[in-house]
């Protein structure tokens, strides 16, 4: 399932929660994205904390995301 964050943390979290709680959909096993750190940070707070779901970003570069205590399941494919 592909969801657009609109580069917004609020939209990203809302879409993710809708996807996770939609009984018609299978629960995702991982999240790919977001491309911006501002969207990846709140998403990982949800998926990393409540769901222990890995998140792999192809564009988020904030060094804040290196904090494994705050973002335990965050990974990236580019250097910060």
Protein backbone atom coordinates (compact mmCIF):
# COMPACT_ATOMS: atom_id res chain seq x y z
CA UNK A 1 0.00 0.00 0.00
CA UNK A 2 1.37 3.41 -0.96
CA UNK A 3 0.42 6.42 1.15
CA UNK A 4 1.37 10.05 0.51
CA UNK A 5 2.66 11.98 3.51
CA UNK A 6 2.44 15.32 1.78
CA UNK A 7 5.76 16.00 3.56
CA UNK A 8 3.74 16.41 6.74
CA UNK A 9 4.29 14.51 9.96
CA UNK A 10 0.62 14.92 10.88
CA UNK A 11 -0.63 13.50 7.59
CA UNK A 12 1.95 10.71 7.70
CA UNK A 13 0.89 9.57 11.18
CA UNK A 14 -2.81 9.84 10.34
CA UNK A 15 -2.38 7.73 7.18
CA UNK A 16 -0.25 5.19 9.04
CA UNK A 17 -2.73 4.77 11.89
CA UNK A 18 -5.60 4.44 9.40
CA UNK A 19 -3.63 1.76 7.56
CA UNK A 20 -2.78 -0.16 10.73
CA UNK A 21 -6.32 -0.07 12.11
CA UNK A 22 -8.17 -0.76 8.83
CA UNK A 23 -9.60 -4.25 9.27
CA UNK A 24 -9.89 -4.65 5.48
CA UNK A 25 -6.12 -4.27 5.04
CA UNK A 26 -3.28 -6.46 6.22
CA UNK A 27 -1.19 -4.83 8.93
CA UNK A 28 2.03 -3.51 7.38
CA UNK A 29 5.26 -5.24 8.40
CA UNK A 30 7.48 -2.23 7.65
CA UNK A 31 7.36 1.39 6.54
CA UNK A 32 9.42 2.73 3.64
CA UNK A 33 9.85 6.50 3.84
CA UNK A 34 9.28 9.23 4.43
CA UNK A 35 11.56 11.31 2.27
CA UNK A 36 11.64 14.16 4.79
CA UNK A 37 12.83 13.98 8.38
CA UNK A 38 9.87 16.08 9.53
CA UNK A 39 7.56 13.25 8.47
CA UNK A 40 9.85 10.35 9.47
CA UNK A 41 10.27 11.45 13.08
CA UNK A 42 6.60 11.30 14.15
CA UNK A 43 6.01 8.17 12.07
CA UNK A 44 8.84 6.36 13.85
CA UNK A 45 7.45 7.43 17.21
CA UNK A 46 4.34 5.42 16.29
CA UNK A 47 5.85 2.46 14.45
CA UNK A 48 8.96 2.15 16.57
CA UNK A 49 7.30 2.56 19.92
CA UNK A 50 3.84 1.06 19.72
CA UNK A 51 4.27 -1.44 16.89
CA UNK A 52 8.00 -2.31 16.79
CA UNK A 53 7.83 -1.97 13.02
CA UNK A 54 10.99 -1.09 11.05
CA UNK A 55 11.06 2.15 9.11
CA UNK A 56 13.51 2.61 6.23
CA UNK A 57 13.91 6.08 4.79
CA UNK A 58 15.48 6.94 1.47
CA UNK A 59 15.67 10.69 2.11
CA UNK A 60 15.47 11.65 5.80
CA UNK A 61 18.81 13.16 6.80
CA UNK A 62 18.25 14.69 10.24
CA UNK A 63 20.97 13.62 12.69
CA UNK A 64 18.26 13.55 15.37
CA UNK A 65 17.08 10.28 13.80
CA UNK A 66 20.41 8.70 14.84
CA UNK A 67 19.16 8.60 18.44
CA UNK A 68 18.29 4.91 18.87
CA UNK A 69 16.45 5.58 22.13
CA UNK A 70 14.00 7.98 20.48
CA UNK A 71 13.86 6.26 17.07
CA UNK A 72 14.55 2.58 17.80
CA UNK A 73 13.40 1.12 14.51
CA UNK A 74 14.61 3.84 12.12
CA UNK A 75 17.06 3.05 9.35
CA UNK A 76 18.13 5.00 6.29
CA UNK A 77 19.73 4.28 2.95
CA UNK A 78 21.65 7.57 2.74
CA UNK A 79 24.10 9.18 5.18
CA UNK A 80 22.77 11.82 7.58
